[in-house]
Protein backbone atom coordinates (compact mmCIF):
# COMPACT_ATOMS: atom_id res chain seq x y z
CA VAL A 1 -134.51 71.60 -136.64
CA SER A 2 -131.35 69.96 -135.40
CA ALA A 3 -130.63 66.39 -136.35
CA LYS A 4 -128.18 65.80 -133.53
CA ASN A 5 -130.10 62.73 -132.31
CA LEU A 6 -130.68 61.25 -135.74
CA LEU A 7 -127.59 59.04 -135.74
CA CYS A 8 -127.62 58.19 -132.06
CA ASP A 9 -127.50 54.74 -130.44
CA ASP A 10 -129.52 55.89 -127.40
CA ASP A 11 -133.21 55.12 -128.07
CA ARG A 12 -134.24 57.69 -125.46
CA LYS A 13 -132.89 60.43 -127.72
CA LEU A 14 -135.10 60.86 -130.74
CA TRP A 15 -135.23 63.04 -133.80
CA LEU A 16 -138.86 64.13 -133.78
CA SER A 17 -140.91 65.66 -136.52
CA SER A 18 -144.12 67.45 -135.65
CA LYS A 19 -147.69 66.48 -136.46
CA ARG A 20 -148.36 70.16 -137.09
CA ASN A 21 -145.30 70.78 -139.23
CA SER A 22 -146.42 70.90 -142.84
CA ASN A 23 -143.05 72.07 -144.09
CA PHE A 24 -142.17 69.15 -146.32
CA PRO A 25 -139.88 67.87 -147.53
CA GLN A 26 -137.68 67.72 -144.46
CA THR A 27 -134.11 67.25 -145.63
CA LEU A 28 -131.01 65.68 -144.12
CA ILE A 29 -127.66 65.60 -145.92
CA ILE A 30 -125.11 63.01 -144.82
CA ASP A 31 -121.54 64.20 -145.44
CA LEU A 32 -119.23 61.35 -146.43
CA THR A 33 -116.27 63.52 -147.44
CA LYS A 34 -114.21 62.42 -144.43
CA ALA A 35 -115.35 58.81 -144.44
CA ASN A 36 -112.61 56.25 -144.91
CA PHE A 37 -113.97 53.52 -147.14
CA ALA A 38 -111.15 50.98 -147.14
CA LYS A 39 -111.24 48.21 -149.68
CA ASP A 40 -112.86 44.96 -148.66
CA LYS A 41 -110.04 42.41 -148.89
CA SER A 42 -112.34 39.66 -150.14
CA SER A 43 -114.39 41.52 -152.76
CA GLY A 44 -112.58 44.76 -153.62
CA ASP A 45 -114.31 48.14 -153.25
CA LEU A 46 -117.15 48.63 -150.81
CA PHE A 47 -120.65 49.34 -152.13
CA PHE A 48 -123.89 50.63 -150.65
CA GLY A 49 -126.66 48.18 -151.49
CA SER A 50 -129.32 49.31 -149.03
CA ILE A 51 -130.25 51.99 -146.57
CA GLY A 52 -131.97 51.42 -143.26
CA PHE A 53 -134.28 53.35 -141.00
CA ARG A 54 -135.13 52.56 -137.41
CA CYS A 55 -138.22 53.95 -135.74
CA TRP A 56 -138.55 53.48 -132.00
CA HIS A 57 -142.35 53.35 -132.05
CA ALA A 58 -145.06 53.29 -134.72
CA TYR A 59 -145.72 57.02 -134.41
CA THR A 60 -147.83 58.90 -136.95
CA THR A 61 -144.89 61.29 -137.24
CA ASN A 62 -142.67 58.52 -138.64
CA PRO A 63 -141.56 58.93 -142.26
CA GLU A 64 -143.97 57.43 -144.80
CA SER A 65 -142.15 58.40 -147.98
CA ILE A 66 -138.41 59.08 -148.30
CA LYS A 67 -136.46 60.14 -151.38
CA ILE A 68 -132.74 59.34 -151.65
CA SER A 69 -130.48 61.50 -153.81
CA LEU A 70 -126.73 61.08 -154.31
CA SER A 71 -123.84 63.42 -155.05
CA SER A 72 -120.29 62.66 -156.05
CA SER A 73 -119.35 66.34 -156.19
CA ASP A 74 -120.94 68.82 -153.77
CA ARG A 75 -123.92 69.63 -151.52
CA ARG A 76 -125.90 71.27 -154.33
CA ASN A 77 -125.82 68.87 -157.28
CA PHE A 78 -127.70 65.70 -156.43
CA VAL A 79 -128.95 62.91 -158.65
CA PRO A 80 -132.39 61.65 -157.57
CA TRP A 81 -131.81 57.97 -156.95
CA GLN A 82 -134.83 56.28 -155.44
CA THR A 83 -137.99 56.86 -153.39
CA PHE A 84 -139.11 54.45 -150.69
CA GLN A 85 -142.48 53.92 -149.02
CA LEU A 86 -142.04 52.84 -145.41
CA ALA A 87 -144.42 50.92 -143.16
CA GLN A 88 -145.90 52.50 -140.04
CA LYS A 89 -144.24 50.18 -137.58
CA ALA A 90 -141.66 50.12 -134.84
CA GLY A 91 -138.21 48.74 -135.55
CA SER A 92 -135.84 48.63 -138.47
CA GLN A 93 -136.77 48.81 -142.12
CA ILE A 94 -134.12 48.03 -144.73
CA CYS A 95 -134.66 49.39 -148.24
CA SER A 96 -132.68 47.89 -151.12
CA LEU A 97 -131.19 50.30 -153.62
CA ARG A 98 -132.06 49.53 -157.24
CA GLU A 99 -128.32 49.54 -158.02
CA ARG A 100 -125.34 49.21 -155.73
CA VAL A 101 -123.35 52.43 -155.35
CA ARG A 102 -119.55 52.47 -154.99
CA ALA A 103 -118.93 53.94 -151.54
CA LYS A 104 -115.76 55.83 -152.42
CA SER A 105 -117.51 57.62 -155.31
CA LEU A 106 -120.05 59.24 -152.95
CA ARG A 107 -119.53 62.52 -151.17
CA TYR A 108 -123.08 63.22 -149.98
CA ILE A 109 -126.37 61.38 -149.49
CA LYS A 110 -129.52 63.47 -149.27
CA LEU A 111 -132.57 62.04 -147.49
CA GLU A 112 -135.81 63.90 -148.06
CA ILE A 113 -138.76 62.99 -145.90
CA LEU A 114 -141.56 63.69 -148.35
CA SER A 115 -144.39 62.79 -145.99
CA THR A 116 -145.21 61.29 -142.62
CA PHE A 117 -148.15 59.08 -141.73
CA ALA A 118 -149.74 62.02 -139.89
CA LEU A 119 -149.53 64.14 -143.04
CA ILE A 120 -151.11 61.33 -145.11
CA GLN A 121 -153.91 61.00 -142.53
CA GLN A 122 -154.49 64.78 -142.54
CA GLN A 123 -154.69 64.81 -146.34
CA SER A 124 -157.10 61.88 -146.32
CA THR A 125 -159.30 63.62 -143.72
CA LEU A 126 -159.34 66.85 -145.77
CA GLU A 127 -160.25 64.93 -148.93
CA SER A 128 -163.07 63.16 -147.06
CA GLN A 129 -164.39 66.46 -145.73
CA GLU A 130 -164.24 68.03 -149.20
CA GLN A 131 -166.10 65.03 -150.67
CA ARG A 132 -168.81 65.23 -147.98
CA SER A 133 -169.19 68.95 -148.64
CA ALA A 134 -169.47 68.36 -152.39
CA ASN A 135 -172.07 65.61 -151.78
CA LEU A 136 -174.14 67.95 -149.56
CA GLN A 137 -173.99 70.69 -152.20
CA ALA A 138 -175.14 68.23 -154.86
CA GLN A 139 -178.04 67.06 -152.65
CA LYS A 140 -179.14 70.66 -152.01
CA GLN A 141 -179.26 71.37 -155.75
CA MET A 142 -181.53 68.39 -156.40
């Protein structure tokens, strides 16, 4: 799946996941190798202190759980940094990192969408169906 509309200012262009797609996690790697992180004249080096997500609508396909991993070397060796639970709502959600990260020390940020709200609802429905089936089996044996 292409992520060409992921970092786009035009709300009419969306990066969509599928309700039927059970291939999780879905992964996006942000390449910072050509980013120019100039020093902040007032406070020195720049740091990442948060990461934000903007969802146009409160779709069930919106991310519910996202894992952030960081790399200062290459696209293969990541350090798991933090996992965030998002709300099913439209608009921006800002997640604070547990520790600030020096911008110039980062080469790659990996975002892994671990689940969507649709996936959580599907799992909940399956668990409910399995519980009902187990209850019926127990009643039949009585």
